[in-house]
Protein backbone atom coordinates (compact mmCIF):
# COMPACT_ATOMS: atom_id res chain seq x y z
CA MET A 1 24.34 0.42 57.72
CA THR A 2 24.72 -3.06 56.31
CA THR A 3 27.73 -4.24 54.13
CA THR A 4 25.51 -4.06 51.02
CA GLN A 5 24.48 -0.52 51.68
CA SER A 6 28.34 0.31 52.40
CA ARG A 7 29.30 -1.00 49.04
CA HIS A 8 26.69 0.82 47.17
CA SER A 9 27.48 3.98 48.80
CA ALA A 10 31.05 3.64 48.08
CA TYR A 11 30.10 2.89 44.27
CA ARG A 12 28.17 6.02 44.25
CA ARG A 13 31.02 8.09 45.59
CA GLN A 14 33.46 6.43 42.91
CA ARG A 15 31.35 6.57 39.92
CA PRO A 16 31.93 9.61 37.53
CA ALA A 17 29.15 12.25 37.69
CA TRP A 18 29.46 12.51 33.77
CA VAL A 19 30.04 10.08 30.99
CA PRO A 20 33.66 10.43 29.88
CA GLY A 21 33.68 12.37 26.69
CA TRP A 22 30.40 13.93 27.41
CA PRO A 23 31.03 17.36 25.58
CA ILE A 24 31.62 15.54 22.31
CA TYR A 25 28.40 13.33 22.55
CA MET A 26 26.41 16.28 23.60
CA MET A 27 27.83 18.38 20.89
CA LEU A 28 27.24 15.67 18.10
CA TYR A 29 24.11 14.12 19.01
CA GLY A 30 22.38 17.44 19.85
CA TYR A 31 23.64 19.03 16.80
CA PRO A 32 20.17 19.50 15.21
CA LEU A 33 18.83 21.41 18.17
CA TRP A 34 21.94 23.60 18.57
CA TRP A 35 21.71 24.48 14.65
CA ALA A 36 18.01 25.14 14.99
CA LEU A 37 18.51 27.32 17.90
CA GLY A 38 21.58 29.18 16.28
CA ILE A 39 24.02 28.34 18.89
CA ASP A 40 26.14 25.68 17.41
CA VAL A 41 29.09 27.58 16.66
CA PHE A 42 29.23 29.29 19.89
CA LEU A 43 28.60 25.96 21.68
CA TRP A 44 31.81 24.77 20.37
CA LEU A 45 33.64 27.58 22.11
CA GLY A 46 31.45 27.54 25.31
CA LEU A 47 32.05 23.92 26.14
CA THR A 48 35.62 24.35 26.21
CA LEU A 49 35.21 25.83 29.63
CA PRO A 50 34.03 22.58 31.44
CA ILE A 51 36.79 20.87 29.51
CA VAL A 52 39.46 23.09 30.73
CA ALA A 53 38.11 22.49 34.26
CA TRP A 54 38.16 18.75 33.67
CA LEU A 55 41.65 18.86 32.44
CA TRP A 56 42.74 21.03 35.33
CA GLY A 57 41.46 18.65 37.74
CA ARG A 58 43.32 15.55 36.37
CA ARG A 59 46.44 14.61 38.24
CA ASN A 60 48.38 14.16 34.91
CA VAL A 61 47.44 15.72 31.55
CA LEU A 62 49.00 14.01 28.52
CA MET A 63 50.10 16.28 25.83
CA PRO A 64 49.44 14.86 22.52
CA PRO A 65 52.17 14.90 19.71
CA GLY A 66 51.48 17.90 17.61
CA ILE A 67 50.31 20.33 20.57
CA GLY A 68 53.72 22.11 20.61
CA TRP A 69 53.29 23.16 17.04
CA TRP A 70 49.57 24.02 17.62
CA THR A 71 50.71 26.09 20.61
CA LEU A 72 53.35 28.06 18.38
CA PHE A 73 50.72 28.25 15.91
CA VAL A 74 48.29 30.06 18.07
CA GLY A 75 50.91 32.37 19.32
CA TRP A 76 51.73 33.56 15.77
CA VAL A 77 48.16 34.13 15.29
CA VAL A 78 48.16 36.53 18.25
CA LEU A 79 51.40 38.19 16.96
CA SER A 80 49.77 38.94 13.62
CA GLY A 81 46.94 40.74 15.35
CA SER A 82 49.50 43.65 15.47
CA GLN A 83 48.83 44.09 11.69
CA LEU A 84 45.16 44.70 11.75
CA ALA A 85 43.86 47.49 9.78
CA GLY A 86 41.62 48.81 12.18
CA ALA A 87 39.52 48.34 15.36
CA ASP A 88 36.45 47.10 13.03
CA ASP A 89 38.67 44.16 12.08
CA PHE A 90 39.23 43.12 15.77
CA PRO A 91 36.03 41.08 16.49
CA SER A 92 36.47 38.87 13.42
CA PHE A 93 40.26 38.43 14.42
CA LEU A 94 39.11 37.60 17.91
CA PHE A 95 36.64 34.94 16.77
CA ARG A 96 39.16 33.33 14.33
CA LEU A 97 41.59 33.32 17.33
CA SER A 98 39.03 31.71 19.75
CA ILE A 99 38.50 29.01 17.20
CA TYR A 100 42.09 28.04 16.86
CA ILE A 101 42.43 28.19 20.82
CA ALA A 102 39.30 25.96 21.29
CA ALA A 103 40.49 23.50 18.59
CA GLY A 104 43.75 23.14 20.61
CA ILE A 105 41.65 22.21 23.92
CA TRP A 106 39.33 19.85 22.16
CA PHE A 107 42.59 18.26 20.84
CA VAL A 108 44.16 17.87 24.22
CA TYR A 109 40.80 16.78 25.76
CA ALA A 110 40.31 13.82 23.20
CA ALA A 111 43.72 12.84 23.61
CA ASN A 112 43.33 12.52 27.46
CA LEU A 113 40.28 10.14 27.19
CA SER A 114 40.50 6.35 27.30
CA ALA A 115 40.42 5.35 23.66
CA ALA A 116 39.34 1.84 24.73
CA GLY A 117 36.19 3.01 25.94
CA ASN A 118 35.50 6.16 23.78
CA ALA A 119 37.19 5.69 20.24
CA ASN A 120 34.36 3.57 18.76
CA ARG A 121 31.65 5.41 20.45
CA ILE A 122 33.14 8.75 19.14
CA ALA A 123 33.00 6.99 15.78
CA GLY A 124 29.39 6.33 16.31
CA ALA A 125 28.54 9.80 17.32
CA PHE A 126 30.39 11.00 14.14
CA LEU A 127 28.27 8.54 12.18
CA TRP A 128 25.17 10.06 13.47
CA PHE A 129 26.36 13.47 12.48
CA PHE A 130 27.28 12.22 9.00
CA GLY A 131 23.70 10.92 8.94
CA PHE A 132 22.41 14.16 10.02
CA LEU A 133 24.34 15.85 7.28
CA VAL A 134 23.00 13.56 4.66
CA PHE A 135 19.26 14.06 5.60
CA ALA A 136 19.70 17.76 6.13
CA GLY A 137 20.97 17.62 2.41
CA LEU A 138 18.03 15.89 1.28
CA PHE A 139 15.67 18.21 3.30
CA ALA A 140 17.46 21.14 1.36
CA LEU A 141 16.42 19.42 -1.88
CA LEU A 142 13.07 18.80 -0.96
CA THR A 143 11.85 22.02 0.90
CA PRO A 144 11.46 25.30 -0.52
CA VAL A 145 12.76 26.92 2.63
CA THR A 146 16.31 28.12 2.03
CA ASP A 147 16.72 29.90 5.42
CA PHE A 148 15.07 30.94 8.57
CA VAL A 149 15.77 33.28 11.67
CA THR A 150 16.83 31.23 14.69
CA PRO A 151 16.01 32.07 18.17
CA PHE A 152 19.35 33.06 19.05
CA GLU A 153 19.21 35.66 16.18
CA ARG A 154 15.87 36.92 17.43
CA VAL A 155 17.17 37.74 20.87
CA LEU A 156 20.46 39.36 20.16
CA PRO A 157 20.49 43.04 19.66
CA ARG A 158 20.28 44.05 16.04
CA SER A 159 23.43 46.01 16.14
CA ILE A 160 25.13 42.50 16.84
CA SER A 161 23.03 40.15 14.75
CA SER A 162 23.46 42.26 11.81
CA ILE A 163 27.52 41.93 11.71
CA PRO A 164 28.00 39.90 8.44
CA PHE A 165 30.36 37.52 10.20
CA VAL A 166 28.13 37.10 13.18
CA ASN A 167 24.94 36.54 11.25
CA GLN A 168 26.48 33.78 9.20
CA MET A 169 27.06 31.97 12.39
CA ILE A 170 23.42 32.49 13.91
CA HIS A 171 21.21 32.61 10.76
CA GLY A 172 19.59 29.13 10.08
CA THR A 173 20.65 28.41 6.45
CA VAL A 174 19.26 25.37 4.72
CA SER A 175 20.24 25.75 1.19
CA GLN A 176 21.84 28.02 -1.31
CA VAL A 177 19.78 28.35 -4.50
CA GLN A 178 21.94 28.98 -7.64
CA ASP A 179 21.44 28.72 -11.36
CA PHE A 180 24.83 28.67 -12.83
CA ILE A 181 24.28 25.50 -14.75
CA GLY A 182 20.97 26.99 -16.52
CA PHE A 183 18.36 26.07 -14.13
CA ALA A 184 18.02 26.60 -10.24
CA VAL A 185 19.37 24.19 -7.88
CA ALA A 186 19.02 24.25 -4.09
CA ARG A 187 22.50 23.13 -3.05
CA PRO A 188 22.58 21.95 0.63
CA ALA A 189 24.28 24.09 3.18
CA ALA A 190 22.62 23.12 6.56
CA PRO A 191 23.77 22.90 9.46
CA PHE A 192 26.32 25.37 8.07
CA ALA A 193 26.27 28.79 6.49
CA PHE A 194 27.49 27.74 3.06
CA THR A 195 27.37 24.74 0.63
CA ASN A 196 31.28 24.70 0.45
CA GLU A 197 31.06 23.98 4.52
CA TRP A 198 28.52 21.25 4.20
CA GLY A 199 30.71 19.55 1.22
CA SER A 200 33.97 20.14 3.49
CA ALA A 201 32.38 18.27 6.28
CA VAL A 202 30.97 15.51 4.22
CA GLY A 203 34.21 14.79 2.64
CA LEU A 204 35.95 14.93 5.82
CA LEU A 205 33.74 12.63 7.74
CA ALA A 206 33.14 10.07 4.96
CA PRO A 207 36.27 7.91 6.04
CA VAL A 208 34.98 7.77 9.63
CA ALA A 209 31.22 6.94 8.45
CA VAL A 210 32.58 4.16 6.35
CA PHE A 211 34.75 2.83 9.32
CA ALA A 212 31.53 2.90 11.52
CA VAL A 213 29.39 1.30 9.09
CA THR A 214 31.88 -1.58 7.97
CA ARG A 215 33.84 -2.23 11.26
CA LEU A 216 31.36 -1.34 14.22
CA ALA A 217 27.72 -2.03 12.88
CA ALA A 218 26.24 -5.44 12.50
CA GLY A 219 23.07 -6.99 11.29
CA PRO A 220 20.14 -4.40 10.29
CA LYS A 221 22.43 -1.64 11.57
CA ARG A 222 25.00 -2.29 8.91
CA VAL A 223 22.38 -2.61 6.23
CA ALA A 224 21.03 0.68 7.35
CA GLY A 225 24.53 2.32 7.25
CA TYR A 226 25.16 1.04 3.65
CA ALA A 227 21.90 2.39 2.78
CA LEU A 228 22.97 5.75 4.15
CA LEU A 229 26.26 5.80 2.22
CA ILE A 230 24.23 5.18 -0.91
CA LEU A 231 21.71 7.73 -0.19
CA ALA A 232 24.41 10.21 0.53
CA LEU A 233 25.20 10.08 -3.24
CA VAL A 234 21.94 12.22 -3.78
CA PRO A 235 22.81 15.41 -2.00
CA ALA A 236 26.51 15.05 -2.53
CA ILE A 237 25.80 15.14 -6.36
CA TYR A 238 23.12 17.84 -6.06
CA SER A 239 25.36 20.06 -4.09
CA LEU A 240 27.36 20.70 -7.41
CA ASN A 241 30.47 20.89 -5.08
CA ARG A 242 33.39 19.78 -6.95
CA GLY A 243 35.49 20.15 -3.88
CA LEU A 244 33.37 17.38 -2.30
CA TRP A 245 33.76 15.04 -5.18
CA LEU A 246 37.65 15.76 -5.05
CA SER A 247 37.54 15.13 -1.44
CA ILE A 248 35.92 11.79 -1.80
CA SER A 249 38.08 10.43 -4.72
CA PHE A 250 41.18 11.43 -2.71
CA ALA A 251 39.86 9.51 0.47
CA LEU A 252 39.03 6.58 -1.52
CA GLY A 253 42.20 6.46 -3.50
CA TYR A 254 44.54 7.19 -0.23
CA ILE A 255 42.71 4.49 1.76
CA ALA A 256 42.83 1.84 -0.91
CA LEU A 257 46.53 2.59 -1.73
CA ARG A 258 47.37 2.47 2.08
CA ALA A 259 45.76 -0.84 2.36
CA LEU A 260 47.34 -2.28 -0.79
CA LEU A 261 51.00 -1.19 0.44
CA ARG A 262 50.08 -3.48 3.40
CA GLY A 263 49.41 -6.48 1.24
CA ARG A 264 45.51 -6.22 1.51
CA PRO A 265 44.14 -5.83 -1.87
CA ARG A 266 40.43 -5.83 -0.85
CA PRO A 267 40.03 -2.22 -0.70
CA PHE A 268 41.06 -1.90 -4.30
CA VAL A 269 38.26 -4.35 -5.06
CA ASN A 270 35.87 -2.42 -2.97
CA LEU A 271 36.87 0.89 -4.59
CA ALA A 272 36.25 -0.69 -7.92
CA ALA A 273 32.81 -1.79 -6.93
CA ILE A 274 32.12 1.77 -5.74
CA ALA A 275 33.07 3.14 -8.98
CA ILE A 276 30.71 0.66 -10.60
CA VAL A 277 27.79 1.98 -8.43
CA VAL A 278 28.75 5.53 -9.15
CA ALA A 279 28.71 5.00 -12.88
CA ALA A 280 25.48 3.10 -12.62
CA VAL A 281 23.87 5.84 -10.82
CA SER A 282 25.41 8.27 -13.64
CA VAL A 283 24.05 6.32 -16.40
CA LEU A 284 20.56 5.47 -14.92
CA THR A 285 19.56 8.52 -13.21
CA PRO A 286 19.44 12.23 -13.89
CA LEU A 287 22.16 12.75 -11.24
CA GLY A 288 24.95 11.80 -13.88
CA ASP A 289 23.59 14.80 -16.28
CA LEU A 290 23.52 17.12 -13.38
CA ALA A 291 27.28 16.18 -12.38
CA SER A 292 28.25 16.38 -15.95
CA SER A 293 26.65 19.77 -16.29
CA ARG A 294 28.33 20.98 -13.17
CA LEU A 295 31.96 19.88 -14.57
CA GLU A 296 31.23 21.73 -17.75
CA ALA A 297 30.09 24.88 -15.88
CA GLY A 298 33.17 27.07 -14.93
CA HIS A 299 31.12 29.02 -12.08
CA SER A 300 33.47 30.76 -9.64
CA ASP A 301 36.60 29.59 -11.31
CA ALA A 302 37.64 33.08 -12.61
CA ARG A 303 36.82 34.54 -9.06
CA ARG A 304 38.69 31.84 -7.25
CA THR A 305 41.71 32.26 -9.53
CA SER A 306 41.75 35.88 -8.91
CA LEU A 307 41.30 35.68 -5.19
CA VAL A 308 44.25 33.31 -4.86
CA GLN A 309 46.59 35.52 -6.92
CA GLN A 310 45.47 38.66 -4.86
CA SER A 311 46.25 36.25 -1.58
CA LEU A 312 49.75 35.39 -3.06
CA ASP A 313 50.39 38.96 -3.86
CA GLY A 314 49.51 39.80 -0.22
CA ILE A 315 51.60 37.05 1.15
CA ALA A 316 54.46 38.39 -0.64
CA GLU A 317 53.83 41.84 0.82
CA ALA A 318 53.79 40.39 4.47
CA PRO A 319 55.36 37.07 4.41
CA VAL A 320 56.17 36.91 8.06
CA VAL A 321 53.05 38.15 10.15
CA GLY A 322 50.40 38.57 7.43
CA HIS A 323 47.79 41.42 7.42
CA GLY A 324 46.17 40.14 10.49
CA GLY A 325 42.88 38.79 8.71
CA PRO A 326 41.24 39.01 5.26
CA ARG A 327 40.82 42.31 3.63
CA VAL A 328 38.38 43.65 1.28
CA ASN A 329 39.63 44.70 -2.04
CA PRO A 330 38.60 48.49 -2.49
CA GLU A 331 38.31 48.03 -6.15
CA GLU A 332 35.75 44.94 -5.65
CA PRO A 333 34.00 45.84 -2.41
CA ASP A 334 31.06 43.60 -3.07
CA ARG A 335 33.27 40.59 -3.66
CA ALA A 336 34.74 37.97 -1.30
CA PRO A 337 37.52 39.43 0.85
CA ILE A 338 41.13 38.80 -0.09
CA GLY A 339 42.52 35.78 1.94
CA THR A 340 39.46 33.63 1.65
CA HIS A 341 38.31 30.46 -0.27
CA GLY A 342 40.96 28.29 1.31
CA GLN A 343 42.45 27.71 4.50
CA ILE A 344 45.97 27.94 3.26
CA TRP A 345 45.29 31.29 1.69
CA LEU A 346 43.30 32.57 4.91
CA LEU A 347 46.60 31.47 7.15
CA GLY A 348 49.18 32.77 4.69
CA TYR A 349 47.49 36.23 3.86
CA SER A 350 46.26 36.79 7.69
CA HIS A 351 49.04 35.41 9.76
CA GLY A 352 52.01 34.69 7.38
CA ILE A 353 54.01 31.77 6.12
CA PRO A 354 55.20 30.73 9.41
CA ALA A 355 51.53 30.20 10.64
CA VAL A 356 50.98 28.08 7.49
CA ALA A 357 54.05 26.01 8.43
CA LEU A 358 52.95 25.40 11.89
CA PHE A 359 49.38 24.52 10.98
CA VAL A 360 50.59 21.89 8.37
CA LEU A 361 53.26 20.62 10.91
CA THR A 362 50.45 19.90 13.49
CA MET A 363 48.32 18.04 10.76
CA VAL A 364 51.33 16.00 9.71
CA THR A 365 52.20 15.17 12.99
CA ILE A 366 48.79 13.63 13.60
CA LEU A 367 48.93 12.10 10.05
CA MET A 368 52.27 10.45 11.19
CA GLY A 369 51.03 9.38 14.57
CA THR A 370 48.08 7.41 13.10
CA TRP A 371 50.13 5.88 10.37
CA ARG A 372 50.59 2.49 12.22
CA ALA A 373 46.81 1.90 12.94
CA ASN A 374 45.16 -1.12 11.28
CA GLU A 375 41.85 -1.13 9.19
CA ASP A 376 39.98 -2.11 12.30
CA GLU A 377 41.14 0.68 14.43
CA LEU A 378 39.59 4.39 14.29
CA GLY A 379 43.26 5.97 13.69
CA PHE A 380 43.54 4.20 10.14
CA TRP A 381 40.60 6.02 8.88
CA VAL A 382 41.31 9.31 10.70
CA ASN A 383 44.57 9.26 8.99
CA ALA A 384 42.63 9.61 5.64
CA VAL A 385 40.67 12.35 7.33
CA VAL A 386 43.82 14.42 7.90
CA PHE A 387 45.08 13.81 4.52
CA VAL A 388 41.75 14.77 3.11
CA ALA A 389 41.98 18.11 5.34
CA LEU A 390 45.49 18.71 3.83
CA VAL A 391 43.96 18.43 0.37
CA GLN A 392 40.94 20.71 1.30
CA MET A 393 43.19 23.48 2.68
CA PHE A 394 43.79 24.62 -0.89
CA PHE A 395 40.00 25.24 -1.69
CA TYR A 396 38.02 25.07 1.74
CA SER A 397 38.30 27.16 4.90
CA LEU A 398 38.38 24.51 7.69
CA ILE A 399 36.77 26.87 10.14
CA PRO A 400 34.46 27.72 12.22
CA VAL A 401 33.58 23.99 12.67
CA GLN A 402 35.28 21.37 10.49
CA LEU A 403 38.73 22.14 12.41
CA GLN A 404 37.00 20.71 15.60
CA PHE A 405 36.09 17.39 14.12
CA ILE A 406 39.74 17.12 13.04
CA MET A 407 41.07 17.74 16.19
CA ILE A 408 38.70 15.63 18.14
CA LEU A 409 39.19 12.66 15.88
CA GLY A 410 42.97 13.11 15.98
CA GLY A 411 43.22 13.53 19.58
CA ILE A 412 41.38 10.14 20.27
CA SER A 413 43.27 8.46 17.57
CA LEU A 414 46.54 9.49 19.00
CA ALA A 415 45.34 8.31 22.56
CA GLN A 416 44.50 5.03 20.74
CA ALA A 417 48.02 4.74 19.28
CA ARG A 418 49.44 5.55 22.72
CA GLU A 419 47.49 3.02 24.53
CA LYS A 420 48.42 0.54 21.88
CA VAL A 421 52.14 0.89 22.26
CA GLY A 422 52.20 1.72 26.04
CA PRO A 423 52.49 4.85 28.10
CA VAL A 424 54.18 7.91 26.91
CA PRO A 425 55.83 10.66 29.32
CA GLN A 426 53.24 12.45 31.25
CA PHE A 427 53.23 16.44 31.86
CA ARG A 428 51.64 18.32 34.61
């Protein structure tokens, strides 16, 4: 064998069989396909198996800040399972538990990737997914199709696919058509089950999309990126989703304030420019009238207020370990279960006040761990993502998918902070 052949063989033996971070890229870039097949939610869980194998094979696994709080949180969720009302509630409890376990695995995985080689690539993958959300929202506005039966739904036994919480995950939903402002509007939902999930994801990922467009893209790609951000206004307004509007407002204000505190007033100027664009859109297009009509319509306000009050009453009844999961109000069996319409109410009612505290402590730890990142680093923008998540907890649930976004972005950003300041203690 020649010297050149020997070197080539050695290179092939040392070259990784898979691109580092491949489960993240596979999940995000392939999301349109996974959603169309009806397997997207289950794939988030299934991909944790090769991730665990990868972590197990590493000589040292770095434990990111916050994983201790998260481990305690998962343990407390397990403990609260003792309060389930009956065996019929166990499948949904097990599903929520698996989501929380998977989120912790994705968190550790992302924190063990090389930020130098993956942080910007992951930001680019999330920009792709953000673009998918925008075009899925536009498609929802233009097509008469509101839902469809996915292949996965067809192959599952009817006894399983007809279970409500299972059907929500496997059935293809394009939009939710509602007429609470006086006429029917197709509110974007794809690739999720509900418009609120779409709004939550758009609000969370907007800071990362802005980072990828303004810091990573160049030339025609940057122009296309700016066009995407402006185009996103259309489905965002048509979603009639006040929680999304609030999320974007908080994100922009938070980012601008942080930059100003660092002596950089430019983001405030950019914020003023964005406000002018939004005002122009409101005045010059029908979108402004649509947004005004939504703000004037109090659709779901009374129901949400009632659910929050019932959740608070339930938390007061079982403040330590909760009720194990949301419960249907026997007086209003057709309404949403108690302990829904907000992650904080879901956690408090289902698993008790300690679960809320441990969940928030994890988020705050990620928030503080990314505090020192500068505007040219993903961590600065992920800091805003976590802040928005803490705001959204009061009116959005962050499961089954949004939590995975937060943990992946948090993990890679903490890896970026670690690589910036030097090595930290390693744990076997």
